[in-house]
Amino acid sequence: LIRRAFELGCTFFDTAEIYAMGANE
């Protein structure tokens, strides 16, 4: 999904250290 977002023109991705205790990063 993240790579599909890039294919659609997205170049800005947001996460955080607390999202799922680091798993999201």
PDBML (XML) file of the C-alpha atoms, coordinates in Angstrom:
<?xml version="1.0" encoding="UTF-8" ?>
<PDBx:datablock datablockName="MODEL"
   xmlns:PDBx="http://pdbml.pdb.org/schema/pdbx-v50.xsd"
   xmlns:xsi="http://www.w3.org/2001/XMLSchema-instance"
   xsi:schemaLocation="http://pdbml.pdb.org/schema/pdbx-v50.xsd pdbx-v50.xsd">
   <PDBx:atom_siteCategory>
      <PDBx:atom_site id="1">
         <PDBx:B_iso_or_equiv>0.00</PDBx:B_iso_or_equiv>
         <PDBx:Cartn_x>0.000</PDBx:Cartn_x>
         <PDBx:Cartn_y>0.000</PDBx:Cartn_y>
         <PDBx:Cartn_z>0.000</PDBx:Cartn_z>
         <PDBx:auth_asym_id>A</PDBx:auth_asym_id>
         <PDBx:auth_atom_id>CA</PDBx:auth_atom_id>
         <PDBx:auth_comp_id>LEU</PDBx:auth_comp_id>
         <PDBx:auth_seq_id>1</PDBx:auth_seq_id>
         <PDBx:group_PDB>ATOM</PDBx:group_PDB>
         <PDBx:label_alt_id xsi:nil="true" />
         <PDBx:label_asym_id>A</PDBx:label_asym_id>
         <PDBx:label_atom_id>CA</PDBx:label_atom_id>
         <PDBx:label_comp_id>LEU</PDBx:label_comp_id>
         <PDBx:label_entity_id>1</PDBx:label_entity_id>
         <PDBx:label_seq_id>1</PDBx:label_seq_id>
         <PDBx:occupancy>1.00</PDBx:occupancy>
         <PDBx:pdbx_PDB_model_num>1</PDBx:pdbx_PDB_model_num>
         <PDBx:type_symbol>C</PDBx:type_symbol>
      </PDBx:atom_site>
      <PDBx:atom_site id="2">
         <PDBx:B_iso_or_equiv>0.00</PDBx:B_iso_or_equiv>
         <PDBx:Cartn_x>2.814</PDBx:Cartn_x>
         <PDBx:Cartn_y>2.413</PDBx:Cartn_y>
         <PDBx:Cartn_z>0.851</PDBx:Cartn_z>
         <PDBx:auth_asym_id>A</PDBx:auth_asym_id>
         <PDBx:auth_atom_id>CA</PDBx:auth_atom_id>
         <PDBx:auth_comp_id>ILE</PDBx:auth_comp_id>
         <PDBx:auth_seq_id>2</PDBx:auth_seq_id>
         <PDBx:group_PDB>ATOM</PDBx:group_PDB>
         <PDBx:label_alt_id xsi:nil="true" />
         <PDBx:label_asym_id>A</PDBx:label_asym_id>
         <PDBx:label_atom_id>CA</PDBx:label_atom_id>
         <PDBx:label_comp_id>ILE</PDBx:label_comp_id>
         <PDBx:label_entity_id>1</PDBx:label_entity_id>
         <PDBx:label_seq_id>2</PDBx:label_seq_id>
         <PDBx:occupancy>1.00</PDBx:occupancy>
         <PDBx:pdbx_PDB_model_num>1</PDBx:pdbx_PDB_model_num>
         <PDBx:type_symbol>C</PDBx:type_symbol>
      </PDBx:atom_site>
      <PDBx:atom_site id="3">
         <PDBx:B_iso_or_equiv>0.00</PDBx:B_iso_or_equiv>
         <PDBx:Cartn_x>4.565</PDBx:Cartn_x>
         <PDBx:Cartn_y>1.665</PDBx:Cartn_y>
         <PDBx:Cartn_z>-2.425</PDBx:Cartn_z>
         <PDBx:auth_asym_id>A</PDBx:auth_asym_id>
         <PDBx:auth_atom_id>CA</PDBx:auth_atom_id>
         <PDBx:auth_comp_id>ARG</PDBx:auth_comp_id>
         <PDBx:auth_seq_id>3</PDBx:auth_seq_id>
         <PDBx:group_PDB>ATOM</PDBx:group_PDB>
         <PDBx:label_alt_id xsi:nil="true" />
         <PDBx:label_asym_id>A</PDBx:label_asym_id>
         <PDBx:label_atom_id>CA</PDBx:label_atom_id>
         <PDBx:label_comp_id>ARG</PDBx:label_comp_id>
         <PDBx:label_entity_id>1</PDBx:label_entity_id>
         <PDBx:label_seq_id>3</PDBx:label_seq_id>
         <PDBx:occupancy>1.00</PDBx:occupancy>
         <PDBx:pdbx_PDB_model_num>1</PDBx:pdbx_PDB_model_num>
         <PDBx:type_symbol>C</PDBx:type_symbol>
      </PDBx:atom_site>
      <PDBx:atom_site id="4">
         <PDBx:B_iso_or_equiv>0.00</PDBx:B_iso_or_equiv>
         <PDBx:Cartn_x>1.280</PDBx:Cartn_x>
         <PDBx:Cartn_y>2.072</PDBx:Cartn_y>
         <PDBx:Cartn_z>-4.292</PDBx:Cartn_z>
         <PDBx:auth_asym_id>A</PDBx:auth_asym_id>
         <PDBx:auth_atom_id>CA</PDBx:auth_atom_id>
         <PDBx:auth_comp_id>ARG</PDBx:auth_comp_id>
         <PDBx:auth_seq_id>4</PDBx:auth_seq_id>
         <PDBx:group_PDB>ATOM</PDBx:group_PDB>
         <PDBx:label_alt_id xsi:nil="true" />
         <PDBx:label_asym_id>A</PDBx:label_asym_id>
         <PDBx:label_atom_id>CA</PDBx:label_atom_id>
         <PDBx:label_comp_id>ARG</PDBx:label_comp_id>
         <PDBx:label_entity_id>1</PDBx:label_entity_id>
         <PDBx:label_seq_id>4</PDBx:label_seq_id>
         <PDBx:occupancy>1.00</PDBx:occupancy>
         <PDBx:pdbx_PDB_model_num>1</PDBx:pdbx_PDB_model_num>
         <PDBx:type_symbol>C</PDBx:type_symbol>
      </PDBx:atom_site>
      <PDBx:atom_site id="5">
         <PDBx:B_iso_or_equiv>0.00</PDBx:B_iso_or_equiv>
         <PDBx:Cartn_x>0.954</PDBx:Cartn_x>
         <PDBx:Cartn_y>5.516</PDBx:Cartn_y>
         <PDBx:Cartn_z>-2.718</PDBx:Cartn_z>
         <PDBx:auth_asym_id>A</PDBx:auth_asym_id>
         <PDBx:auth_atom_id>CA</PDBx:auth_atom_id>
         <PDBx:auth_comp_id>ALA</PDBx:auth_comp_id>
         <PDBx:auth_seq_id>5</PDBx:auth_seq_id>
         <PDBx:group_PDB>ATOM</PDBx:group_PDB>
         <PDBx:label_alt_id xsi:nil="true" />
         <PDBx:label_asym_id>A</PDBx:label_asym_id>
         <PDBx:label_atom_id>CA</PDBx:label_atom_id>
         <PDBx:label_comp_id>ALA</PDBx:label_comp_id>
         <PDBx:label_entity_id>1</PDBx:label_entity_id>
         <PDBx:label_seq_id>5</PDBx:label_seq_id>
         <PDBx:occupancy>1.00</PDBx:occupancy>
         <PDBx:pdbx_PDB_model_num>1</PDBx:pdbx_PDB_model_num>
         <PDBx:type_symbol>C</PDBx:type_symbol>
      </PDBx:atom_site>
      <PDBx:atom_site id="6">
         <PDBx:B_iso_or_equiv>0.00</PDBx:B_iso_or_equiv>
         <PDBx:Cartn_x>4.340</PDBx:Cartn_x>
         <PDBx:Cartn_y>6.404</PDBx:Cartn_y>
         <PDBx:Cartn_z>-4.207</PDBx:Cartn_z>
         <PDBx:auth_asym_id>A</PDBx:auth_asym_id>
         <PDBx:auth_atom_id>CA</PDBx:auth_atom_id>
         <PDBx:auth_comp_id>PHE</PDBx:auth_comp_id>
         <PDBx:auth_seq_id>6</PDBx:auth_seq_id>
         <PDBx:group_PDB>ATOM</PDBx:group_PDB>
         <PDBx:label_alt_id xsi:nil="true" />
         <PDBx:label_asym_id>A</PDBx:label_asym_id>
         <PDBx:label_atom_id>CA</PDBx:label_atom_id>
         <PDBx:label_comp_id>PHE</PDBx:label_comp_id>
         <PDBx:label_entity_id>1</PDBx:label_entity_id>
         <PDBx:label_seq_id>6</PDBx:label_seq_id>
         <PDBx:occupancy>1.00</PDBx:occupancy>
         <PDBx:pdbx_PDB_model_num>1</PDBx:pdbx_PDB_model_num>
         <PDBx:type_symbol>C</PDBx:type_symbol>
      </PDBx:atom_site>
      <PDBx:atom_site id="7">
         <PDBx:B_iso_or_equiv>0.00</PDBx:B_iso_or_equiv>
         <PDBx:Cartn_x>3.248</PDBx:Cartn_x>
         <PDBx:Cartn_y>5.106</PDBx:Cartn_y>
         <PDBx:Cartn_z>-7.617</PDBx:Cartn_z>
         <PDBx:auth_asym_id>A</PDBx:auth_asym_id>
         <PDBx:auth_atom_id>CA</PDBx:auth_atom_id>
         <PDBx:auth_comp_id>GLU</PDBx:auth_comp_id>
         <PDBx:auth_seq_id>7</PDBx:auth_seq_id>
         <PDBx:group_PDB>ATOM</PDBx:group_PDB>
         <PDBx:label_alt_id xsi:nil="true" />
         <PDBx:label_asym_id>A</PDBx:label_asym_id>
         <PDBx:label_atom_id>CA</PDBx:label_atom_id>
         <PDBx:label_comp_id>GLU</PDBx:label_comp_id>
         <PDBx:label_entity_id>1</PDBx:label_entity_id>
         <PDBx:label_seq_id>7</PDBx:label_seq_id>
         <PDBx:occupancy>1.00</PDBx:occupancy>
         <PDBx:pdbx_PDB_model_num>1</PDBx:pdbx_PDB_model_num>
         <PDBx:type_symbol>C</PDBx:type_symbol>
      </PDBx:atom_site>
      <PDBx:atom_site id="8">
         <PDBx:B_iso_or_equiv>0.00</PDBx:B_iso_or_equiv>
         <PDBx:Cartn_x>0.263</PDBx:Cartn_x>
         <PDBx:Cartn_y>7.447</PDBx:Cartn_y>
         <PDBx:Cartn_z>-7.384</PDBx:Cartn_z>
         <PDBx:auth_asym_id>A</PDBx:auth_asym_id>
         <PDBx:auth_atom_id>CA</PDBx:auth_atom_id>
         <PDBx:auth_comp_id>LEU</PDBx:auth_comp_id>
         <PDBx:auth_seq_id>8</PDBx:auth_seq_id>
         <PDBx:group_PDB>ATOM</PDBx:group_PDB>
         <PDBx:label_alt_id xsi:nil="true" />
         <PDBx:label_asym_id>A</PDBx:label_asym_id>
         <PDBx:label_atom_id>CA</PDBx:label_atom_id>
         <PDBx:label_comp_id>LEU</PDBx:label_comp_id>
         <PDBx:label_entity_id>1</PDBx:label_entity_id>
         <PDBx:label_seq_id>8</PDBx:label_seq_id>
         <PDBx:occupancy>1.00</PDBx:occupancy>
         <PDBx:pdbx_PDB_model_num>1</PDBx:pdbx_PDB_model_num>
         <PDBx:type_symbol>C</PDBx:type_symbol>
      </PDBx:atom_site>
      <PDBx:atom_site id="9">
         <PDBx:B_iso_or_equiv>0.00</PDBx:B_iso_or_equiv>
         <PDBx:Cartn_x>2.577</PDBx:Cartn_x>
         <PDBx:Cartn_y>10.431</PDBx:Cartn_y>
         <PDBx:Cartn_z>-6.875</PDBx:Cartn_z>
         <PDBx:auth_asym_id>A</PDBx:auth_asym_id>
         <PDBx:auth_atom_id>CA</PDBx:auth_atom_id>
         <PDBx:auth_comp_id>GLY</PDBx:auth_comp_id>
         <PDBx:auth_seq_id>9</PDBx:auth_seq_id>
         <PDBx:group_PDB>ATOM</PDBx:group_PDB>
         <PDBx:label_alt_id xsi:nil="true" />
         <PDBx:label_asym_id>A</PDBx:label_asym_id>
         <PDBx:label_atom_id>CA</PDBx:label_atom_id>
         <PDBx:label_comp_id>GLY</PDBx:label_comp_id>
         <PDBx:label_entity_id>1</PDBx:label_entity_id>
         <PDBx:label_seq_id>9</PDBx:label_seq_id>
         <PDBx:occupancy>1.00</PDBx:occupancy>
         <PDBx:pdbx_PDB_model_num>1</PDBx:pdbx_PDB_model_num>
         <PDBx:type_symbol>C</PDBx:type_symbol>
      </PDBx:atom_site>
      <PDBx:atom_site id="10">
         <PDBx:B_iso_or_equiv>0.00</PDBx:B_iso_or_equiv>
         <PDBx:Cartn_x>2.817</PDBx:Cartn_x>
         <PDBx:Cartn_y>10.659</PDBx:Cartn_y>
         <PDBx:Cartn_z>-3.092</PDBx:Cartn_z>
         <PDBx:auth_asym_id>A</PDBx:auth_asym_id>
         <PDBx:auth_atom_id>CA</PDBx:auth_atom_id>
         <PDBx:auth_comp_id>CYS</PDBx:auth_comp_id>
         <PDBx:auth_seq_id>10</PDBx:auth_seq_id>
         <PDBx:group_PDB>ATOM</PDBx:group_PDB>
         <PDBx:label_alt_id xsi:nil="true" />
         <PDBx:label_asym_id>A</PDBx:label_asym_id>
         <PDBx:label_atom_id>CA</PDBx:label_atom_id>
         <PDBx:label_comp_id>CYS</PDBx:label_comp_id>
         <PDBx:label_entity_id>1</PDBx:label_entity_id>
         <PDBx:label_seq_id>10</PDBx:label_seq_id>
         <PDBx:occupancy>1.00</PDBx:occupancy>
         <PDBx:pdbx_PDB_model_num>1</PDBx:pdbx_PDB_model_num>
         <PDBx:type_symbol>C</PDBx:type_symbol>
      </PDBx:atom_site>
      <PDBx:atom_site id="11">
         <PDBx:B_iso_or_equiv>0.00</PDBx:B_iso_or_equiv>
         <PDBx:Cartn_x>6.285</PDBx:Cartn_x>
         <PDBx:Cartn_y>11.587</PDBx:Cartn_y>
         <PDBx:Cartn_z>-1.822</PDBx:Cartn_z>
         <PDBx:auth_asym_id>A</PDBx:auth_asym_id>
         <PDBx:auth_atom_id>CA</PDBx:auth_atom_id>
         <PDBx:auth_comp_id>THR</PDBx:auth_comp_id>
         <PDBx:auth_seq_id>11</PDBx:auth_seq_id>
         <PDBx:group_PDB>ATOM</PDBx:group_PDB>
         <PDBx:label_alt_id xsi:nil="true" />
         <PDBx:label_asym_id>A</PDBx:label_asym_id>
         <PDBx:label_atom_id>CA</PDBx:label_atom_id>
         <PDBx:label_comp_id>THR</PDBx:label_comp_id>
         <PDBx:label_entity_id>1</PDBx:label_entity_id>
         <PDBx:label_seq_id>11</PDBx:label_seq_id>
         <PDBx:occupancy>1.00</PDBx:occupancy>
         <PDBx:pdbx_PDB_model_num>1</PDBx:pdbx_PDB_model_num>
         <PDBx:type_symbol>C</PDBx:type_symbol>
      </PDBx:atom_site>
      <PDBx:atom_site id="12">
         <PDBx:B_iso_or_equiv>0.00</PDBx:B_iso_or_equiv>
         <PDBx:Cartn_x>5.393</PDBx:Cartn_x>
         <PDBx:Cartn_y>12.531</PDBx:Cartn_y>
         <PDBx:Cartn_z>1.779</PDBx:Cartn_z>
         <PDBx:auth_asym_id>A</PDBx:auth_asym_id>
         <PDBx:auth_atom_id>CA</PDBx:auth_atom_id>
         <PDBx:auth_comp_id>PHE</PDBx:auth_comp_id>
         <PDBx:auth_seq_id>12</PDBx:auth_seq_id>
         <PDBx:group_PDB>ATOM</PDBx:group_PDB>
         <PDBx:label_alt_id xsi:nil="true" />
         <PDBx:label_asym_id>A</PDBx:label_asym_id>
         <PDBx:label_atom_id>CA</PDBx:label_atom_id>
         <PDBx:label_comp_id>PHE</PDBx:label_comp_id>
         <PDBx:label_entity_id>1</PDBx:label_entity_id>
         <PDBx:label_seq_id>12</PDBx:label_seq_id>
         <PDBx:occupancy>1.00</PDBx:occupancy>
         <PDBx:pdbx_PDB_model_num>1</PDBx:pdbx_PDB_model_num>
         <PDBx:type_symbol>C</PDBx:type_symbol>
      </PDBx:atom_site>
      <PDBx:atom_site id="13">
         <PDBx:B_iso_or_equiv>0.00</PDBx:B_iso_or_equiv>
         <PDBx:Cartn_x>4.915</PDBx:Cartn_x>
         <PDBx:Cartn_y>9.785</PDBx:Cartn_y>
         <PDBx:Cartn_z>4.378</PDBx:Cartn_z>
         <PDBx:auth_asym_id>A</PDBx:auth_asym_id>
         <PDBx:auth_atom_id>CA</PDBx:auth_atom_id>
         <PDBx:auth_comp_id>PHE</PDBx:auth_comp_id>
         <PDBx:auth_seq_id>13</PDBx:auth_seq_id>
         <PDBx:group_PDB>ATOM</PDBx:group_PDB>
         <PDBx:label_alt_id xsi:nil="true" />
         <PDBx:label_asym_id>A</PDBx:label_asym_id>
         <PDBx:label_atom_id>CA</PDBx:label_atom_id>
         <PDBx:label_comp_id>PHE</PDBx:label_comp_id>
         <PDBx:label_entity_id>1</PDBx:label_entity_id>
         <PDBx:label_seq_id>13</PDBx:label_seq_id>
         <PDBx:occupancy>1.00</PDBx:occupancy>
         <PDBx:pdbx_PDB_model_num>1</PDBx:pdbx_PDB_model_num>
         <PDBx:type_symbol>C</PDBx:type_symbol>
      </PDBx:atom_site>
      <PDBx:atom_site id="14">
         <PDBx:B_iso_or_equiv>0.00</PDBx:B_iso_or_equiv>
         <PDBx:Cartn_x>3.994</PDBx:Cartn_x>
         <PDBx:Cartn_y>10.317</PDBx:Cartn_y>
         <PDBx:Cartn_z>8.024</PDBx:Cartn_z>
         <PDBx:auth_asym_id>A</PDBx:auth_asym_id>
         <PDBx:auth_atom_id>CA</PDBx:auth_atom_id>
         <PDBx:auth_comp_id>ASP</PDBx:auth_comp_id>
         <PDBx:auth_seq_id>14</PDBx:auth_seq_id>
         <PDBx:group_PDB>ATOM</PDBx:group_PDB>
         <PDBx:label_alt_id xsi:nil="true" />
         <PDBx:label_asym_id>A</PDBx:label_asym_id>
         <PDBx:label_atom_id>CA</PDBx:label_atom_id>
         <PDBx:label_comp_id>ASP</PDBx:label_comp_id>
         <PDBx:label_entity_id>1</PDBx:label_entity_id>
         <PDBx:label_seq_id>14</PDBx:label_seq_id>
         <PDBx:occupancy>1.00</PDBx:occupancy>
         <PDBx:pdbx_PDB_model_num>1</PDBx:pdbx_PDB_model_num>
         <PDBx:type_symbol>C</PDBx:type_symbol>
      </PDBx:atom_site>
      <PDBx:atom_site id="15">
         <PDBx:B_iso_or_equiv>0.00</PDBx:B_iso_or_equiv>
         <PDBx:Cartn_x>4.599</PDBx:Cartn_x>
         <PDBx:Cartn_y>8.032</PDBx:Cartn_y>
         <PDBx:Cartn_z>11.006</PDBx:Cartn_z>
         <PDBx:auth_asym_id>A</PDBx:auth_asym_id>
         <PDBx:auth_atom_id>CA</PDBx:auth_atom_id>
         <PDBx:auth_comp_id>THR</PDBx:auth_comp_id>
         <PDBx:auth_seq_id>15</PDBx:auth_seq_id>
         <PDBx:group_PDB>ATOM</PDBx:group_PDB>
         <PDBx:label_alt_id xsi:nil="true" />
         <PDBx:label_asym_id>A</PDBx:label_asym_id>
         <PDBx:label_atom_id>CA</PDBx:label_atom_id>
         <PDBx:label_comp_id>THR</PDBx:label_comp_id>
         <PDBx:label_entity_id>1</PDBx:label_entity_id>
         <PDBx:label_seq_id>15</PDBx:label_seq_id>
         <PDBx:occupancy>1.00</PDBx:occupancy>
         <PDBx:pdbx_PDB_model_num>1</PDBx:pdbx_PDB_model_num>
         <PDBx:type_symbol>C</PDBx:type_symbol>
      </PDBx:atom_site>
      <PDBx:atom_site id="16">
         <PDBx:B_iso_or_equiv>0.00</PDBx:B_iso_or_equiv>
         <PDBx:Cartn_x>5.543</PDBx:Cartn_x>
         <PDBx:Cartn_y>8.304</PDBx:Cartn_y>
         <PDBx:Cartn_z>14.712</PDBx:Cartn_z>
         <PDBx:auth_asym_id>A</PDBx:auth_asym_id>
         <PDBx:auth_atom_id>CA</PDBx:auth_atom_id>
         <PDBx:auth_comp_id>ALA</PDBx:auth_comp_id>
         <PDBx:auth_seq_id>16</PDBx:auth_seq_id>
         <PDBx:group_PDB>ATOM</PDBx:group_PDB>
         <PDBx:label_alt_id xsi:nil="true" />
         <PDBx:label_asym_id>A</PDBx:label_asym_id>
         <PDBx:label_atom_id>CA</PDBx:label_atom_id>
         <PDBx:label_comp_id>ALA</PDBx:label_comp_id>
         <PDBx:label_entity_id>1</PDBx:label_entity_id>
         <PDBx:label_seq_id>16</PDBx:label_seq_id>
         <PDBx:occupancy>1.00</PDBx:occupancy>
         <PDBx:pdbx_PDB_model_num>1</PDBx:pdbx_PDB_model_num>
         <PDBx:type_symbol>C</PDBx:type_symbol>
      </PDBx:atom_site>
      <PDBx:atom_site id="17">
         <PDBx:B_iso_or_equiv>0.00</PDBx:B_iso_or_equiv>
         <PDBx:Cartn_x>7.502</PDBx:Cartn_x>
         <PDBx:Cartn_y>6.447</PDBx:Cartn_y>
         <PDBx:Cartn_z>17.360</PDBx:Cartn_z>
         <PDBx:auth_asym_id>A</PDBx:auth_asym_id>
         <PDBx:auth_atom_id>CA</PDBx:auth_atom_id>
         <PDBx:auth_comp_id>GLU</PDBx:auth_comp_id>
         <PDBx:auth_seq_id>17</PDBx:auth_seq_id>
         <PDBx:group_PDB>ATOM</PDBx:group_PDB>
         <PDBx:label_alt_id xsi:nil="true" />
         <PDBx:label_asym_id>A</PDBx:label_asym_id>
         <PDBx:label_atom_id>CA</PDBx:label_atom_id>
         <PDBx:label_comp_id>GLU</PDBx:label_comp_id>
         <PDBx:label_entity_id>1</PDBx:label_entity_id>
         <PDBx:label_seq_id>17</PDBx:label_seq_id>
         <PDBx:occupancy>1.00</PDBx:occupancy>
         <PDBx:pdbx_PDB_model_num>1</PDBx:pdbx_PDB_model_num>
         <PDBx:type_symbol>C</PDBx:type_symbol>
      </PDBx:atom_site>
      <PDBx:atom_site id="18">
         <PDBx:B_iso_or_equiv>0.00</PDBx:B_iso_or_equiv>
         <PDBx:Cartn_x>4.350</PDBx:Cartn_x>
         <PDBx:Cartn_y>5.699</PDBx:Cartn_y>
         <PDBx:Cartn_z>19.374</PDBx:Cartn_z>
         <PDBx:auth_asym_id>A</PDBx:auth_asym_id>
         <PDBx:auth_atom_id>CA</PDBx:auth_atom_id>
         <PDBx:auth_comp_id>ILE</PDBx:auth_comp_id>
         <PDBx:auth_seq_id>18</PDBx:auth_seq_id>
         <PDBx:group_PDB>ATOM</PDBx:group_PDB>
         <PDBx:label_alt_id xsi:nil="true" />
         <PDBx:label_asym_id>A</PDBx:label_asym_id>
         <PDBx:label_atom_id>CA</PDBx:label_atom_id>
         <PDBx:label_comp_id>ILE</PDBx:label_comp_id>
         <PDBx:label_entity_id>1</PDBx:label_entity_id>
         <PDBx:label_seq_id>18</PDBx:label_seq_id>
         <PDBx:occupancy>1.00</PDBx:occupancy>
         <PDBx:pdbx_PDB_model_num>1</PDBx:pdbx_PDB_model_num>
         <PDBx:type_symbol>C</PDBx:type_symbol>
      </PDBx:atom_site>
      <PDBx:atom_site id="19">
         <PDBx:B_iso_or_equiv>0.00</PDBx:B_iso_or_equiv>
         <PDBx:Cartn_x>2.383</PDBx:Cartn_x>
         <PDBx:Cartn_y>4.151</PDBx:Cartn_y>
         <PDBx:Cartn_z>16.518</PDBx:Cartn_z>
         <PDBx:auth_asym_id>A</PDBx:auth_asym_id>
         <PDBx:auth_atom_id>CA</PDBx:auth_atom_id>
         <PDBx:auth_comp_id>TYR</PDBx:auth_comp_id>
         <PDBx:auth_seq_id>19</PDBx:auth_seq_id>
         <PDBx:group_PDB>ATOM</PDBx:group_PDB>
         <PDBx:label_alt_id xsi:nil="true" />
         <PDBx:label_asym_id>A</PDBx:label_asym_id>
         <PDBx:label_atom_id>CA</PDBx:label_atom_id>
         <PDBx:label_comp_id>TYR</PDBx:label_comp_id>
         <PDBx:label_entity_id>1</PDBx:label_entity_id>
         <PDBx:label_seq_id>19</PDBx:label_seq_id>
         <PDBx:occupancy>1.00</PDBx:occupancy>
         <PDBx:pdbx_PDB_model_num>1</PDBx:pdbx_PDB_model_num>
         <PDBx:type_symbol>C</PDBx:type_symbol>
      </PDBx:atom_site>
      <PDBx:atom_site id="20">
         <PDBx:B_iso_or_equiv>0.00</PDBx:B_iso_or_equiv>
         <PDBx:Cartn_x>2.176</PDBx:Cartn_x>
         <PDBx:Cartn_y>0.477</PDBx:Cartn_y>
         <PDBx:Cartn_z>17.501</PDBx:Cartn_z>
         <PDBx:auth_asym_id>A</PDBx:auth_asym_id>
         <PDBx:auth_atom_id>CA</PDBx:auth_atom_id>
         <PDBx:auth_comp_id>ALA</PDBx:auth_comp_id>
         <PDBx:auth_seq_id>20</PDBx:auth_seq_id>
         <PDBx:group_PDB>ATOM</PDBx:group_PDB>
         <PDBx:label_alt_id xsi:nil="true" />
         <PDBx:label_asym_id>A</PDBx:label_asym_id>
         <PDBx:label_atom_id>CA</PDBx:label_atom_id>
         <PDBx:label_comp_id>ALA</PDBx:label_comp_id>
         <PDBx:label_entity_id>1</PDBx:label_entity_id>
         <PDBx:label_seq_id>20</PDBx:label_seq_id>
         <PDBx:occupancy>1.00</PDBx:occupancy>
         <PDBx:pdbx_PDB_model_num>1</PDBx:pdbx_PDB_model_num>
         <PDBx:type_symbol>C</PDBx:type_symbol>
      </PDBx:atom_site>
      <PDBx:atom_site id="21">
         <PDBx:B_iso_or_equiv>0.00</PDBx:B_iso_or_equiv>
         <PDBx:Cartn_x>5.239</PDBx:Cartn_x>
         <PDBx:Cartn_y>0.949</PDBx:Cartn_y>
         <PDBx:Cartn_z>19.725</PDBx:Cartn_z>
         <PDBx:auth_asym_id>A</PDBx:auth_asym_id>
         <PDBx:auth_atom_id>CA</PDBx:auth_atom_id>
         <PDBx:auth_comp_id>MET</PDBx:auth_comp_id>
         <PDBx:auth_seq_id>21</PDBx:auth_seq_id>
         <PDBx:group_PDB>ATOM</PDBx:group_PDB>
         <PDBx:label_alt_id xsi:nil="true" />
         <PDBx:label_asym_id>A</PDBx:label_asym_id>
         <PDBx:label_atom_id>CA</PDBx:label_atom_id>
         <PDBx:label_comp_id>MET</PDBx:label_comp_id>
         <PDBx:label_entity_id>1</PDBx:label_entity_id>
         <PDBx:label_seq_id>21</PDBx:label_seq_id>
         <PDBx:occupancy>1.00</PDBx:occupancy>
         <PDBx:pdbx_PDB_model_num>1</PDBx:pdbx_PDB_model_num>
         <PDBx:type_symbol>C</PDBx:type_symbol>
      </PDBx:atom_site>
      <PDBx:atom_site id="22">
         <PDBx:B_iso_or_equiv>0.00</PDBx:B_iso_or_equiv>
         <PDBx:Cartn_x>7.595</PDBx:Cartn_x>
         <PDBx:Cartn_y>1.552</PDBx:Cartn_y>
         <PDBx:Cartn_z>16.815</PDBx:Cartn_z>
         <PDBx:auth_asym_id>A</PDBx:auth_asym_id>
         <PDBx:auth_atom_id>CA</PDBx:auth_atom_id>
         <PDBx:auth_comp_id>GLY</PDBx:auth_comp_id>
         <PDBx:auth_seq_id>22</PDBx:auth_seq_id>
         <PDBx:group_PDB>ATOM</PDBx:group_PDB>
         <PDBx:label_alt_id xsi:nil="true" />
         <PDBx:label_asym_id>A</PDBx:label_asym_id>
         <PDBx:label_atom_id>CA</PDBx:label_atom_id>
         <PDBx:label_comp_id>GLY</PDBx:label_comp_id>
         <PDBx:label_entity_id>1</PDBx:label_entity_id>
         <PDBx:label_seq_id>22</PDBx:label_seq_id>
         <PDBx:occupancy>1.00</PDBx:occupancy>
         <PDBx:pdbx_PDB_model_num>1</PDBx:pdbx_PDB_model_num>
         <PDBx:type_symbol>C</PDBx:type_symbol>
      </PDBx:atom_site>
      <PDBx:atom_site id="23">
         <PDBx:B_iso_or_equiv>0.00</PDBx:B_iso_or_equiv>
         <PDBx:Cartn_x>6.191</PDBx:Cartn_x>
         <PDBx:Cartn_y>-1.113</PDBx:Cartn_y>
         <PDBx:Cartn_z>14.503</PDBx:Cartn_z>
         <PDBx:auth_asym_id>A</PDBx:auth_asym_id>
         <PDBx:auth_atom_id>CA</PDBx:auth_atom_id>
         <PDBx:auth_comp_id>ALA</PDBx:auth_comp_id>
         <PDBx:auth_seq_id>23</PDBx:auth_seq_id>
         <PDBx:group_PDB>ATOM</PDBx:group_PDB>
         <PDBx:label_alt_id xsi:nil="true" />
         <PDBx:label_asym_id>A</PDBx:label_asym_id>
         <PDBx:label_atom_id>CA</PDBx:label_atom_id>
         <PDBx:label_comp_id>ALA</PDBx:label_comp_id>
         <PDBx:label_entity_id>1</PDBx:label_entity_id>
         <PDBx:label_seq_id>23</PDBx:label_seq_id>
         <PDBx:occupancy>1.00</PDBx:occupancy>
         <PDBx:pdbx_PDB_model_num>1</PDBx:pdbx_PDB_model_num>
         <PDBx:type_symbol>C</PDBx:type_symbol>
      </PDBx:atom_site>
      <PDBx:atom_site id="24">
         <PDBx:B_iso_or_equiv>0.00</PDBx:B_iso_or_equiv>
         <PDBx:Cartn_x>4.767</PDBx:Cartn_x>
         <PDBx:Cartn_y>1.517</PDBx:Cartn_y>
         <PDBx:Cartn_z>12.163</PDBx:Cartn_z>
         <PDBx:auth_asym_id>A</PDBx:auth_asym_id>
         <PDBx:auth_atom_id>CA</PDBx:auth_atom_id>
         <PDBx:auth_comp_id>ASN</PDBx:auth_comp_id>
         <PDBx:auth_seq_id>24</PDBx:auth_seq_id>
         <PDBx:group_PDB>ATOM</PDBx:group_PDB>
         <PDBx:label_alt_id xsi:nil="true" />
         <PDBx:label_asym_id>A</PDBx:label_asym_id>
         <PDBx:label_atom_id>CA</PDBx:label_atom_id>
         <PDBx:label_comp_id>ASN</PDBx:label_comp_id>
         <PDBx:label_entity_id>1</PDBx:label_entity_id>
         <PDBx:label_seq_id>24</PDBx:label_seq_id>
         <PDBx:occupancy>1.00</PDBx:occupancy>
         <PDBx:pdbx_PDB_model_num>1</PDBx:pdbx_PDB_model_num>
         <PDBx:type_symbol>C</PDBx:type_symbol>
      </PDBx:atom_site>
      <PDBx:atom_site id="25">
         <PDBx:B_iso_or_equiv>0.00</PDBx:B_iso_or_equiv>
         <PDBx:Cartn_x>8.177</PDBx:Cartn_x>
         <PDBx:Cartn_y>3.168</PDBx:Cartn_y>
         <PDBx:Cartn_z>11.745</PDBx:Cartn_z>
         <PDBx:auth_asym_id>A</PDBx:auth_asym_id>
         <PDBx:auth_atom_id>CA</PDBx:auth_atom_id>
         <PDBx:auth_comp_id>GLU</PDBx:auth_comp_id>
         <PDBx:auth_seq_id>25</PDBx:auth_seq_id>
         <PDBx:group_PDB>ATOM</PDBx:group_PDB>
         <PDBx:label_alt_id xsi:nil="true" />
         <PDBx:label_asym_id>A</PDBx:label_asym_id>
         <PDBx:label_atom_id>CA</PDBx:label_atom_id>
         <PDBx:label_comp_id>GLU</PDBx:label_comp_id>
         <PDBx:label_entity_id>1</PDBx:label_entity_id>
         <PDBx:label_seq_id>25</PDBx:label_seq_id>
         <PDBx:occupancy>1.00</PDBx:occupancy>
         <PDBx:pdbx_PDB_model_num>1</PDBx:pdbx_PDB_model_num>
         <PDBx:type_symbol>C</PDBx:type_symbol>
      </PDBx:atom_site>
   </PDBx:atom_siteCategory>
</PDBx:datablock>
